[in-house]
Amino acid sequence: GTPHRIRLVKQEWLEHDLVDATSHCNGANAVNFDLVRKVAPFQYRVRTFERGVGETSSCGTAAVSIVAALNVRAAPSLAPQPSDHLEFASGEQLIVTYDPSGESYEVAGRVALLQDLSK
């Protein structure tokens, strides 16, 4: 799988959090690093730094990892609901839906064709 390190933050986006995210997504033991702030019930703001790449506009595995981690580990006040909205700092939005058992997740969001691969 793709390893993710998730940090819940209370403010967007403090310099030391950005430095940690950048350092953890590069180097020999790189992981994807997600900064997450709850802004409203069922809504989170996210910045994702992919290992070896740096910050990305949005990330489906990050969205699922974040919701799964909040579902399993977070205090009840932070726990996600069966349909949660994640907005990335880029403005991209993904909706993660899951069944109450947490065994299956579905990600929905805008899709844009960046290159015509049929030619």
PDB file of N, CA and C in Angstrom:
ATOM      1  N   GLY A   1       0.806  -1.189   0.000  1.00  0.00           N
ATOM      2  CA  GLY A   1       0.000   0.000   0.000  1.00  0.00           C
ATOM      3  C   GLY A   1       0.847   1.248   0.000  1.00  0.00           C
ATOM      4  N   THR A   2       0.179   2.343   0.039  1.00  0.00           N
ATOM      5  CA  THR A   2       0.822   3.650   0.063  1.00  0.00           C
ATOM      6  C   THR A   2       0.801   4.185   1.489  1.00  0.00           C
ATOM      7  N   PRO A   3       1.960   4.321   2.135  1.00  0.00           N
ATOM      8  CA  PRO A   3       1.965   4.803   3.520  1.00  0.00           C
ATOM      9  C   PRO A   3       1.613   6.289   3.598  1.00  0.00           C
ATOM     10  N   HIS A   4       0.744   6.613   4.556  1.00  0.00           N
ATOM     11  CA  HIS A   4       0.347   8.005   4.800  1.00  0.00           C
ATOM     12  C   HIS A   4       0.604   8.348   6.254  1.00  0.00           C
ATOM     13  N   ARG A   5       1.153   9.509   6.469  1.00  0.00           N
ATOM     14  CA  ARG A   5       1.274  10.066   7.812  1.00  0.00           C
ATOM     15  C   ARG A   5       0.286  11.216   7.865  1.00  0.00           C
ATOM     16  N   ILE A   6      -0.594  11.197   8.855  1.00  0.00           N
ATOM     17  CA  ILE A   6      -1.672  12.186   8.940  1.00  0.00           C
ATOM     18  C   ILE A   6      -1.481  13.012  10.200  1.00  0.00           C
ATOM     19  N   ARG A   7      -1.504  14.326  10.028  1.00  0.00           N
ATOM     20  CA  ARG A   7      -1.397  15.224  11.178  1.00  0.00           C
ATOM     21  C   ARG A   7      -2.631  16.110  11.227  1.00  0.00           C
ATOM     22  N   LEU A   8      -3.343  16.045  12.347  1.00  0.00           N
ATOM     23  CA  LEU A   8      -4.466  16.952  12.570  1.00  0.00           C
ATOM     24  C   LEU A   8      -3.904  18.286  13.043  1.00  0.00           C
ATOM     25  N   VAL A   9      -4.334  19.365  12.412  1.00  0.00           N
ATOM     26  CA  VAL A   9      -3.850  20.696  12.770  1.00  0.00           C
ATOM     27  C   VAL A   9      -5.035  21.590  13.130  1.00  0.00           C
ATOM     28  N   LYS A  10      -4.755  22.593  13.938  1.00  0.00           N
ATOM     29  CA  LYS A  10      -5.813  23.526  14.334  1.00  0.00           C
ATOM     30  C   LYS A  10      -5.789  24.799  13.510  1.00  0.00           C
ATOM     31  N   GLN A  11      -4.656  25.044  12.816  1.00  0.00           N
ATOM     32  CA  GLN A  11      -4.518  26.244  11.991  1.00  0.00           C
ATOM     33  C   GLN A  11      -3.982  25.870  10.622  1.00  0.00           C
ATOM     34  N   GLU A  12      -4.372  26.635   9.623  1.00  0.00           N
ATOM     35  CA  GLU A  12      -3.832  26.482   8.271  1.00  0.00           C
ATOM     36  C   GLU A  12      -2.766  27.542   8.090  1.00  0.00           C
ATOM     37  N   TRP A  13      -1.755  27.273   7.512  1.00  0.00           N
ATOM     38  CA  TRP A  13      -0.874  26.137   7.499  1.00  0.00           C
ATOM     39  C   TRP A  13       0.405  26.632   8.112  1.00  0.00           C
ATOM     40  N   LEU A  14       0.681  26.226   9.325  1.00  0.00           N
ATOM     41  CA  LEU A  14       1.833  26.736  10.061  1.00  0.00           C
ATOM     42  C   LEU A  14       3.133  26.265   9.422  1.00  0.00           C
ATOM     43  N   GLU A  15       4.129  27.132   9.474  1.00  0.00           N
ATOM     44  CA  GLU A  15       5.406  26.863   8.811  1.00  0.00           C
ATOM     45  C   GLU A  15       6.032  25.548   9.267  1.00  0.00           C
ATOM     46  N   HIS A  16       6.013  25.253  10.560  1.00  0.00           N
ATOM     47  CA  HIS A  16       6.659  24.012  11.012  1.00  0.00           C
ATOM     48  C   HIS A  16       5.930  22.773  10.491  1.00  0.00           C
ATOM     49  N   ASP A  17       4.612  22.845  10.305  1.00  0.00           N
ATOM     50  CA  ASP A  17       3.877  21.725   9.717  1.00  0.00           C
ATOM     51  C   ASP A  17       4.266  21.529   8.250  1.00  0.00           C
ATOM     52  N   LEU A  18       4.414  22.624   7.519  1.00  0.00           N
ATOM     53  CA  LEU A  18       4.811  22.543   6.114  1.00  0.00           C
ATOM     54  C   LEU A  18       6.234  21.999   5.961  1.00  0.00           C
ATOM     55  N   VAL A  19       7.130  22.397   6.843  1.00  0.00           N
ATOM     56  CA  VAL A  19       8.505  21.894   6.814  1.00  0.00           C
ATOM     57  C   VAL A  19       8.511  20.389   7.090  1.00  0.00           C
ATOM     58  N   ASP A  20       7.754  19.939   8.100  1.00  0.00           N
ATOM     59  CA  ASP A  20       7.664  18.508   8.399  1.00  0.00           C
ATOM     60  C   ASP A  20       7.091  17.733   7.216  1.00  0.00           C
ATOM     61  N   ALA A  21       6.037  18.253   6.625  1.00  0.00           N
ATOM     62  CA  ALA A  21       5.403  17.573   5.493  1.00  0.00           C
ATOM     63  C   ALA A  21       6.385  17.411   4.343  1.00  0.00           C
ATOM     64  N   THR A  22       7.112  18.478   4.036  1.00  0.00           N
ATOM     65  CA  THR A  22       8.079  18.432   2.941  1.00  0.00           C
ATOM     66  C   THR A  22       9.209  17.454   3.244  1.00  0.00           C
ATOM     67  N   SER A  23       9.703  17.459   4.473  1.00  0.00           N
ATOM     68  CA  SER A  23      10.816  16.564   4.800  1.00  0.00           C
ATOM     69  C   SER A  23      10.379  15.104   4.843  1.00  0.00           C
ATOM     70  N   HIS A  24       9.156  14.814   5.254  1.00  0.00           N
ATOM     71  CA  HIS A  24       8.690  13.431   5.318  1.00  0.00           C
ATOM     72  C   HIS A  24       8.334  12.856   3.944  1.00  0.00           C
ATOM     73  N   CYS A  25       8.059  13.688   2.960  1.00  0.00           N
ATOM     74  CA  CYS A  25       7.699  13.161   1.635  1.00  0.00           C
ATOM     75  C   CYS A  25       8.929  13.008   0.741  1.00  0.00           C
ATOM     76  N   ASN A  26      10.087  13.378   1.242  1.00  0.00           N
ATOM     77  CA  ASN A  26      11.342  13.224   0.497  1.00  0.00           C
ATOM     78  C   ASN A  26      12.304  12.361   1.304  1.00  0.00           C
ATOM     79  N   GLY A  27      13.305  11.829   0.663  1.00  0.00           N
ATOM     80  CA  GLY A  27      14.333  11.077   1.361  1.00  0.00           C
ATOM     81  C   GLY A  27      14.134   9.579   1.292  1.00  0.00           C
ATOM     82  N   ALA A  28      14.969   8.868   2.027  1.00  0.00           N
ATOM     83  CA  ALA A  28      15.027   7.401   1.958  1.00  0.00           C
ATOM     84  C   ALA A  28      13.760   6.725   2.483  1.00  0.00           C
ATOM     85  N   ASN A  29      13.169   7.222   3.533  1.00  0.00           N
ATOM     86  CA  ASN A  29      11.977   6.612   4.137  1.00  0.00           C
ATOM     87  C   ASN A  29      10.745   7.476   3.913  1.00  0.00           C
ATOM     88  N   ALA A  30      10.591   7.962   2.700  1.00  0.00           N
ATOM     89  CA  ALA A  30       9.519   8.909   2.379  1.00  0.00           C
ATOM     90  C   ALA A  30       8.139   8.275   2.515  1.00  0.00           C
ATOM     91  N   VAL A  31       7.187   9.084   2.970  1.00  0.00           N
ATOM     92  CA  VAL A  31       5.778   8.698   3.057  1.00  0.00           C
ATOM     93  C   VAL A  31       4.938   9.859   2.544  1.00  0.00           C
ATOM     94  N   ASN A  32       3.702   9.565   2.211  1.00  0.00           N
ATOM     95  CA  ASN A  32       2.756  10.644   1.909  1.00  0.00           C
ATOM     96  C   ASN A  32       2.411  11.301   3.240  1.00  0.00           C
ATOM     97  N   PHE A  33       2.350  12.615   3.251  1.00  0.00           N
ATOM     98  CA  PHE A  33       2.121  13.360   4.488  1.00  0.00           C
ATOM     99  C   PHE A  33       0.906  14.243   4.278  1.00  0.00           C
ATOM    100  N   ASP A  34      -0.093  14.099   5.154  1.00  0.00           N
ATOM    101  CA  ASP A  34      -1.349  14.835   5.024  1.00  0.00           C
ATOM    102  C   ASP A  34      -1.563  15.736   6.229  1.00  0.00           C
ATOM    103  N   LEU A  35      -1.763  17.012   5.975  1.00  0.00           N
ATOM    104  CA  LEU A  35      -2.158  17.966   7.006  1.00  0.00           C
ATOM    105  C   LEU A  35      -3.671  18.123   6.917  1.00  0.00           C
ATOM    106  N   VAL A  36      -4.373  17.952   8.038  1.00  0.00           N
ATOM    107  CA  VAL A  36      -5.839  17.910   8.026  1.00  0.00           C
ATOM    108  C   VAL A  36      -6.390  18.825   9.115  1.00  0.00           C
ATOM    109  N   ARG A  37      -7.348  19.655   8.725  1.00  0.00           N
ATOM    110  CA  ARG A  37      -8.033  20.519   9.701  1.00  0.00           C
ATOM    111  C   ARG A  37      -9.533  20.379   9.520  1.00  0.00           C
ATOM    112  N   LYS A  38     -10.227  20.092  10.610  1.00  0.00           N
ATOM    113  CA  LYS A  38     -11.687  20.034  10.563  1.00  0.00           C
ATOM    114  C   LYS A  38     -12.217  21.463  10.581  1.00  0.00           C
ATOM    115  N   VAL A  39     -13.058  21.810   9.602  1.00  0.00           N
ATOM    116  CA  VAL A  39     -13.581  23.170   9.512  1.00  0.00           C
ATOM    117  C   VAL A  39     -15.069  23.247   9.828  1.00  0.00           C
ATOM    118  N   ALA A  40     -15.755  22.120   9.745  1.00  0.00           N
ATOM    119  CA  ALA A  40     -17.191  22.067  10.027  1.00  0.00           C
ATOM    120  C   ALA A  40     -17.565  20.596  10.167  1.00  0.00           C
ATOM    121  N   PRO A  41     -18.749  20.324  10.696  1.00  0.00           N
ATOM    122  CA  PRO A  41     -19.175  18.922  10.705  1.00  0.00           C
ATOM    123  C   PRO A  41     -19.120  18.356   9.283  1.00  0.00           C
ATOM    124  N   PHE A  42     -18.502  17.216   9.154  1.00  0.00           N
ATOM    125  CA  PHE A  42     -18.407  16.488   7.879  1.00  0.00           C
ATOM    126  C   PHE A  42     -17.504  17.161   6.851  1.00  0.00           C
ATOM    127  N   GLN A  43     -16.713  18.158   7.240  1.00  0.00           N
ATOM    128  CA  GLN A  43     -15.887  18.875   6.268  1.00  0.00           C
ATOM    129  C   GLN A  43     -14.481  19.101   6.818  1.00  0.00           C
ATOM    130  N   TYR A  44     -13.478  18.776   5.978  1.00  0.00           N
ATOM    131  CA  TYR A  44     -12.079  18.889   6.350  1.00  0.00           C
ATOM    132  C   TYR A  44     -11.315  19.614   5.260  1.00  0.00           C
ATOM    133  N   ARG A  45     -10.309  20.408   5.649  1.00  0.00           N
ATOM    134  CA  ARG A  45      -9.376  21.019   4.696  1.00  0.00           C
ATOM    135  C   ARG A  45      -8.088  20.221   4.773  1.00  0.00           C
ATOM    136  N   VAL A  46      -7.468  19.986   3.613  1.00  0.00           N
ATOM    137  CA  VAL A  46      -6.341  19.066   3.534  1.00  0.00           C
ATOM    138  C   VAL A  46      -5.243  19.633   2.644  1.00  0.00           C
ATOM    139  N   ARG A  47      -4.003  19.368   3.042  1.00  0.00           N
ATOM    140  CA  ARG A  47      -2.852  19.543   2.151  1.00  0.00           C
ATOM    141  C   ARG A  47      -2.126  18.211   2.138  1.00  0.00           C
ATOM    142  N   THR A  48      -1.857  17.701   0.950  1.00  0.00           N
ATOM    143  CA  THR A  48      -1.205  16.408   0.794  1.00  0.00           C
ATOM    144  C   THR A  48       0.126  16.578   0.076  1.00  0.00           C
ATOM    145  N   PHE A  49       1.144  15.954   0.636  1.00  0.00           N
ATOM    146  CA  PHE A  49       2.486  15.942   0.070  1.00  0.00           C
ATOM    147  C   PHE A  49       2.816  14.487  -0.238  1.00  0.00           C
ATOM    148  N   GLU A  50       2.908  14.154  -1.539  1.00  0.00           N
ATOM    149  CA  GLU A  50       3.155  12.771  -1.945  1.00  0.00           C
ATOM    150  C   GLU A  50       4.648  12.480  -1.949  1.00  0.00           C
ATOM    151  N   ARG A  51       4.978  11.268  -1.508  1.00  0.00           N
ATOM    152  CA  ARG A  51       6.391  10.893  -1.407  1.00  0.00           C
ATOM    153  C   ARG A  51       7.061  10.969  -2.783  1.00  0.00           C
ATOM    154  N   GLY A  52       8.207  11.638  -2.781  1.00  0.00           N
ATOM    155  CA  GLY A  52       8.984  11.780  -3.996  1.00  0.00           C
ATOM    156  C   GLY A  52       8.458  12.805  -4.982  1.00  0.00           C
ATOM    157  N   VAL A  53       7.315  13.413  -4.699  1.00  0.00           N
ATOM    158  CA  VAL A  53       6.696  14.348  -5.649  1.00  0.00           C
ATOM    159  C   VAL A  53       6.569  15.740  -5.049  1.00  0.00           C
ATOM    160  N   GLY A  54       6.106  15.821  -3.815  1.00  0.00           N
ATOM    161  CA  GLY A  54       5.812  17.096  -3.176  1.00  0.00           C
ATOM    162  C   GLY A  54       4.315  17.298  -3.082  1.00  0.00           C
ATOM    163  N   GLU A  55       3.888  18.528  -2.933  1.00  0.00           N
ATOM    164  CA  GLU A  55       2.455  18.802  -2.741  1.00  0.00           C
ATOM    165  C   GLU A  55       1.667  18.491  -4.007  1.00  0.00           C
ATOM    166  N   THR A  56       0.499  17.899  -3.831  1.00  0.00           N
ATOM    167  CA  THR A  56      -0.378  17.562  -4.946  1.00  0.00           C
ATOM    168  C   THR A  56      -1.722  18.255  -4.782  1.00  0.00           C
ATOM    169  N   SER A  57      -2.441  18.405  -5.883  1.00  0.00           N
ATOM    170  CA  SER A  57      -3.734  19.094  -5.875  1.00  0.00           C
ATOM    171  C   SER A  57      -4.800  18.344  -5.111  1.00  0.00           C
ATOM    172  N   SER A  58      -4.816  17.024  -5.252  1.00  0.00           N
ATOM    173  CA  SER A  58      -5.749  16.176  -4.517  1.00  0.00           C
ATOM    174  C   SER A  58      -5.230  14.751  -4.602  1.00  0.00           C
ATOM    175  N   CYS A  59      -5.743  13.888  -3.751  1.00  0.00           N
ATOM    176  CA  CYS A  59      -5.230  12.522  -3.712  1.00  0.00           C
ATOM    177  C   CYS A  59      -6.309  11.605  -3.146  1.00  0.00           C
ATOM    178  N   GLY A  60      -6.744  10.646  -3.955  1.00  0.00           N
ATOM    179  CA  GLY A  60      -7.786   9.715  -3.521  1.00  0.00           C
ATOM    180  C   GLY A  60      -7.346   8.826  -2.376  1.00  0.00           C
ATOM    181  N   THR A  61      -6.091   8.317  -2.432  1.00  0.00           N
ATOM    182  CA  THR A  61      -5.644   7.475  -1.318  1.00  0.00           C
ATOM    183  C   THR A  61      -5.507   8.286  -0.038  1.00  0.00           C
ATOM    184  N   ALA A  62      -5.134   9.545  -0.152  1.00  0.00           N
ATOM    185  CA  ALA A  62      -5.072  10.399   1.035  1.00  0.00           C
ATOM    186  C   ALA A  62      -6.467  10.595   1.620  1.00  0.00           C
ATOM    187  N   ALA A  63      -7.442  10.859   0.766  1.00  0.00           N
ATOM    188  CA  ALA A  63      -8.811  11.075   1.243  1.00  0.00           C
ATOM    189  C   ALA A  63      -9.324   9.861   2.006  1.00  0.00           C
ATOM    190  N   VAL A  64      -9.135   8.677   1.450  1.00  0.00           N
ATOM    191  CA  VAL A  64      -9.593   7.464   2.128  1.00  0.00           C
ATOM    192  C   VAL A  64      -8.792   7.229   3.404  1.00  0.00           C
ATOM    193  N   SER A  65      -7.479   7.417   3.359  1.00  0.00           N
ATOM    194  CA  SER A  65      -6.644   7.227   4.541  1.00  0.00           C
ATOM    195  C   SER A  65      -7.059   8.155   5.671  1.00  0.00           C
ATOM    196  N   ILE A  66      -7.335   9.396   5.342  1.00  0.00           N
ATOM    197  CA  ILE A  66      -7.736  10.379   6.353  1.00  0.00           C
ATOM    198  C   ILE A  66      -9.056   9.978   6.999  1.00  0.00           C
ATOM    199  N   VAL A  67     -10.045   9.668   6.190  1.00  0.00           N
ATOM    200  CA  VAL A  67     -11.363   9.305   6.738  1.00  0.00           C
ATOM    201  C   VAL A  67     -11.263   8.015   7.544  1.00  0.00           C
ATOM    202  N   ALA A  68     -10.508   7.033   7.051  1.00  0.00           N
ATOM    203  CA  ALA A  68     -10.344   5.785   7.798  1.00  0.00           C
ATOM    204  C   ALA A  68      -9.652   6.034   9.133  1.00  0.00           C
ATOM    205  N   ALA A  69      -8.597   6.841   9.133  1.00  0.00           N
ATOM    206  CA  ALA A  69      -7.889   7.136  10.376  1.00  0.00           C
ATOM    207  C   ALA A  69      -8.773   7.884  11.356  1.00  0.00           C
ATOM    208  N   LEU A  70      -9.527   8.865  10.875  1.00  0.00           N
ATOM    209  CA  LEU A  70     -10.423   9.601  11.765  1.00  0.00           C
ATOM    210  C   LEU A  70     -11.509   8.679  12.315  1.00  0.00           C
ATOM    211  N   ASN A  71     -11.974   7.773  11.501  1.00  0.00           N
ATOM    212  CA  ASN A  71     -13.013   6.844  11.919  1.00  0.00           C
ATOM    213  C   ASN A  71     -12.510   5.908  13.013  1.00  0.00           C
ATOM    214  N   VAL A  72     -11.263   5.472  12.914  1.00  0.00           N
ATOM    215  CA  VAL A  72     -10.709   4.495  13.846  1.00  0.00           C
ATOM    216  C   VAL A  72     -10.091   5.144  15.073  1.00  0.00           C
ATOM    217  N   ARG A  73      -9.357   6.236  14.876  1.00  0.00           N
ATOM    218  CA  ARG A  73      -8.506   6.780  15.933  1.00  0.00           C
ATOM    219  C   ARG A  73      -8.976   8.059  16.609  1.00  0.00           C
ATOM    220  N   ALA A  74      -9.773   8.842  15.957  1.00  0.00           N
ATOM    221  CA  ALA A  74     -10.058  10.189  16.451  1.00  0.00           C
ATOM    222  C   ALA A  74     -11.066  10.192  17.584  1.00  0.00           C
ATOM    223  N   ALA A  75     -11.037  11.275  18.317  1.00  0.00           N
ATOM    224  CA  ALA A  75     -12.036  11.496  19.351  1.00  0.00           C
ATOM    225  C   ALA A  75     -13.400  11.630  18.695  1.00  0.00           C
ATOM    226  N   PRO A  76     -14.481  11.301  19.405  1.00  0.00           N
ATOM    227  CA  PRO A  76     -15.813  11.391  18.801  1.00  0.00           C
ATOM    228  C   PRO A  76     -16.113  12.743  18.158  1.00  0.00           C
ATOM    229  N   SER A  77     -15.558  13.819  18.683  1.00  0.00           N
ATOM    230  CA  SER A  77     -15.837  15.138  18.100  1.00  0.00           C
ATOM    231  C   SER A  77     -15.202  15.305  16.719  1.00  0.00           C
ATOM    232  N   LEU A  78     -14.182  14.497  16.389  1.00  0.00           N
ATOM    233  CA  LEU A  78     -13.525  14.585  15.094  1.00  0.00           C
ATOM    234  C   LEU A  78     -13.935  13.476  14.144  1.00  0.00           C
ATOM    235  N   ALA A  79     -14.607  12.464  14.646  1.00  0.00           N
ATOM    236  CA  ALA A  79     -14.904  11.291  13.829  1.00  0.00           C
ATOM    237  C   ALA A  79     -15.741  11.662  12.607  1.00  0.00           C
ATOM    238  N   PRO A  80     -15.381  11.095  11.463  1.00  0.00           N
ATOM    239  CA  PRO A  80     -16.140  11.374  10.246  1.00  0.00           C
ATOM    240  C   PRO A  80     -17.483  10.668  10.245  1.00  0.00           C
ATOM    241  N   GLN A  81     -18.334  11.070   9.362  1.00  0.00           N
ATOM    242  CA  GLN A  81     -19.636  10.459   9.181  1.00  0.00           C
ATOM    243  C   GLN A  81     -19.606   9.637   7.898  1.00  0.00           C
ATOM    244  N   PRO A  82     -20.659   8.853   7.606  1.00  0.00           N
ATOM    245  CA  PRO A  82     -20.615   8.022   6.407  1.00  0.00           C
ATOM    246  C   PRO A  82     -20.409   8.782   5.100  1.00  0.00           C
ATOM    247  N   SER A  83     -20.510  10.090   5.083  1.00  0.00           N
ATOM    248  CA  SER A  83     -20.191  10.865   3.885  1.00  0.00           C
ATOM    249  C   SER A  83     -19.487  12.146   4.325  1.00  0.00           C
ATOM    250  N   ASP A  84     -18.192  12.223   4.030  1.00  0.00           N
ATOM    251  CA  ASP A  84     -17.401  13.372   4.441  1.00  0.00           C
ATOM    252  C   ASP A  84     -16.810  14.088   3.238  1.00  0.00           C
ATOM    253  N   HIS A  85     -16.719  15.407   3.347  1.00  0.00           N
ATOM    254  CA  HIS A  85     -16.190  16.248   2.287  1.00  0.00           C
ATOM    255  C   HIS A  85     -14.780  16.676   2.668  1.00  0.00           C
ATOM    256  N   LEU A  86     -13.844  16.438   1.768  1.00  0.00           N
ATOM    257  CA  LEU A  86     -12.479  16.874   1.968  1.00  0.00           C
ATOM    258  C   LEU A  86     -12.147  17.881   0.880  1.00  0.00           C
ATOM    259  N   GLU A  87     -11.756  19.068   1.304  1.00  0.00           N
ATOM    260  CA  GLU A  87     -11.349  20.097   0.341  1.00  0.00           C
ATOM    261  C   GLU A  87      -9.855  20.280   0.466  1.00  0.00           C
ATOM    262  N   PHE A  88      -9.160  20.106  -0.644  1.00  0.00           N
ATOM    263  CA  PHE A  88      -7.720  20.276  -0.657  1.00  0.00           C
ATOM    264  C   PHE A  88      -7.395  21.755  -0.810  1.00  0.00           C
ATOM    265  N   ALA A  89      -6.206  22.134  -0.378  1.00  0.00           N
ATOM    266  CA  ALA A  89      -5.800  23.543  -0.435  1.00  0.00           C
ATOM    267  C   ALA A  89      -5.888  24.098  -1.847  1.00  0.00           C
ATOM    268  N   SER A  90      -5.789  23.232  -2.849  1.00  0.00           N
ATOM    269  CA  SER A  90      -5.886  23.651  -4.250  1.00  0.00           C
ATOM    270  C   SER A  90      -7.307  24.036  -4.645  1.00  0.00           C
ATOM    271  N   GLY A  91      -8.290  23.672  -3.802  1.00  0.00           N
ATOM    272  CA  GLY A  91      -9.690  23.905  -4.130  1.00  0.00           C
ATOM    273  C   GLY A  91     -10.396  22.654  -4.619  1.00  0.00           C
ATOM    274  N   GLU A  92      -9.626  21.616  -4.970  1.00  0.00           N
ATOM    275  CA  GLU A  92     -10.233  20.348  -5.389  1.00  0.00           C
ATOM    276  C   GLU A  92     -10.996  19.742  -4.215  1.00  0.00           C
ATOM    277  N   GLN A  93     -12.131  19.134  -4.520  1.00  0.00           N
ATOM    278  CA  GLN A  93     -12.957  18.541  -3.478  1.00  0.00           C
ATOM    279  C   GLN A  93     -13.239  17.081  -3.780  1.00  0.00           C
ATOM    280  N   LEU A  94     -13.129  16.249  -2.748  1.00  0.00           N
ATOM    281  CA  LEU A  94     -13.468  14.844  -2.850  1.00  0.00           C
ATOM    282  C   LEU A  94     -14.464  14.511  -1.742  1.00  0.00           C
ATOM    283  N   ILE A  95     -15.385  13.620  -2.048  1.00  0.00           N
ATOM    284  CA  ILE A  95     -16.339  13.136  -1.059  1.00  0.00           C
ATOM    285  C   ILE A  95     -16.025  11.669  -0.821  1.00  0.00           C
ATOM    286  N   VAL A  96     -15.838  11.302   0.448  1.00  0.00           N
ATOM    287  CA  VAL A  96     -15.567   9.919   0.811  1.00  0.00           C
ATOM    288  C   VAL A  96     -16.794   9.377   1.525  1.00  0.00           C
ATOM    289  N   THR A  97     -17.318   8.296   0.986  1.00  0.00           N
ATOM    290  CA  THR A  97     -18.468   7.618   1.564  1.00  0.00           C
ATOM    291  C   THR A  97     -18.012   6.228   1.981  1.00  0.00           C
ATOM    292  N   TYR A  98     -18.486   5.760   3.131  1.00  0.00           N
ATOM    293  CA  TYR A  98     -18.114   4.425   3.577  1.00  0.00           C
ATOM    294  C   TYR A  98     -19.260   3.795   4.347  1.00  0.00           C
ATOM    295  N   ASP A  99     -19.204   2.470   4.432  1.00  0.00           N
ATOM    296  CA  ASP A  99     -20.227   1.793   5.207  1.00  0.00           C
ATOM    297  C   ASP A  99     -19.819   1.831   6.687  1.00  0.00           C
ATOM    298  N   PRO A 100     -20.774   1.716   7.615  1.00  0.00           N
ATOM    299  CA  PRO A 100     -20.466   1.856   9.040  1.00  0.00           C
ATOM    300  C   PRO A 100     -19.406   0.882   9.556  1.00  0.00           C
ATOM    301  N   SER A 101     -19.246  -0.266   8.919  1.00  0.00           N
ATOM    302  CA  SER A 101     -18.219  -1.217   9.362  1.00  0.00           C
ATOM    303  C   SER A 101     -16.817  -0.722   9.009  1.00  0.00           C
ATOM    304  N   GLY A 102     -16.715   0.242   8.095  1.00  0.00           N
ATOM    305  CA  GLY A 102     -15.427   0.756   7.672  1.00  0.00           C
ATOM    306  C   GLY A 102     -14.672  -0.177   6.740  1.00  0.00           C
ATOM    307  N   GLU A 103     -15.364  -1.168   6.186  1.00  0.00           N
ATOM    308  CA  GLU A 103     -14.699  -2.141   5.323  1.00  0.00           C
ATOM    309  C   GLU A 103     -14.654  -1.733   3.858  1.00  0.00           C
ATOM    310  N   SER A 104     -15.481  -0.787   3.443  1.00  0.00           N
ATOM    311  CA  SER A 104     -15.418  -0.327   2.058  1.00  0.00           C
ATOM    312  C   SER A 104     -15.603   1.187   2.015  1.00  0.00           C
ATOM    313  N   TYR A 105     -14.839   1.797   1.105  1.00  0.00           N
ATOM    314  CA  TYR A 105     -14.841   3.247   0.941  1.00  0.00           C
ATOM    315  C   TYR A 105     -15.048   3.576  -0.526  1.00  0.00           C
ATOM    316  N   GLU A 106     -15.699   4.688  -0.792  1.00  0.00           N
ATOM    317  CA  GLU A 106     -15.907   5.156  -2.156  1.00  0.00           C
ATOM    318  C   GLU A 106     -15.530   6.626  -2.214  1.00  0.00           C
ATOM    319  N   VAL A 107     -14.776   6.997  -3.247  1.00  0.00           N
ATOM    320  CA  VAL A 107     -14.337   8.379  -3.419  1.00  0.00           C
ATOM    321  C   VAL A 107     -15.010   8.945  -4.657  1.00  0.00           C
ATOM    322  N   ALA A 108     -15.556  10.140  -4.527  1.00  0.00           N
ATOM    323  CA  ALA A 108     -16.188  10.821  -5.661  1.00  0.00           C
ATOM    324  C   ALA A 108     -15.625  12.232  -5.745  1.00  0.00           C
ATOM    325  N   GLY A 109     -15.532  12.720  -6.963  1.00  0.00           N
ATOM    326  CA  GLY A 109     -15.051  14.077  -7.165  1.00  0.00           C
ATOM    327  C   GLY A 109     -15.039  14.418  -8.635  1.00  0.00           C
ATOM    328  N   ARG A 110     -14.613  15.617  -8.937  1.00  0.00           N
ATOM    329  CA  ARG A 110     -14.544  16.110 -10.308  1.00  0.00           C
ATOM    330  C   ARG A 110     -13.449  15.372 -11.058  1.00  0.00           C
ATOM    331  N   VAL A 111     -13.721  15.066 -12.304  1.00  0.00           N
ATOM    332  CA  VAL A 111     -12.745  14.406 -13.162  1.00  0.00           C
ATOM    333  C   VAL A 111     -12.507  15.307 -14.369  1.00  0.00           C
ATOM    334  N   ALA A 112     -11.244  15.504 -14.718  1.00  0.00           N
ATOM    335  CA  ALA A 112     -10.899  16.314 -15.892  1.00  0.00           C
ATOM    336  C   ALA A 112      -9.894  15.565 -16.735  1.00  0.00           C
ATOM    337  N   LEU A 113     -10.134  15.499 -18.022  1.00  0.00           N
ATOM    338  CA  LEU A 113      -9.201  14.877 -18.956  1.00  0.00           C
ATOM    339  C   LEU A 113      -8.078  15.872 -19.235  1.00  0.00           C
ATOM    340  N   LEU A 114      -6.875  15.499 -18.858  1.00  0.00           N
ATOM    341  CA  LEU A 114      -5.732  16.392 -19.035  1.00  0.00           C
ATOM    342  C   LEU A 114      -5.021  16.167 -20.359  1.00  0.00           C
ATOM    343  N   GLN A 115      -5.133  14.941 -20.888  1.00  0.00           N
ATOM    344  CA  GLN A 115      -4.462  14.622 -22.147  1.00  0.00           C
ATOM    345  C   GLN A 115      -5.281  13.557 -22.855  1.00  0.00           C
ATOM    346  N   ASP A 116      -5.451  13.709 -24.161  1.00  0.00           N
ATOM    347  CA  ASP A 116      -6.156  12.721 -24.955  1.00  0.00           C
ATOM    348  C   ASP A 116      -5.202  11.588 -25.290  1.00  0.00           C
ATOM    349  N   LEU A 117      -5.396  10.416 -24.652  1.00  0.00           N
ATOM    350  CA  LEU A 117      -4.491   9.289 -24.826  1.00  0.00           C
ATOM    351  C   LEU A 117      -4.834   8.432 -26.044  1.00  0.00           C
ATOM    352  N   SER A 118      -5.937   8.748 -26.729  1.00  0.00           N
ATOM    353  CA  SER A 118      -6.352   7.936 -27.862  1.00  0.00           C
ATOM    354  C   SER A 118      -5.544   8.225 -29.127  1.00  0.00           C
ATOM    355  N   LYS A 119      -4.776   9.283 -29.147  1.00  0.00           N
ATOM    356  CA  LYS A 119      -4.024   9.662 -30.367  1.00  0.00           C
ATOM    357  C   LYS A 119      -2.651   9.070 -30.365  1.00  0.00           C
TER     358      LYS A 119
END
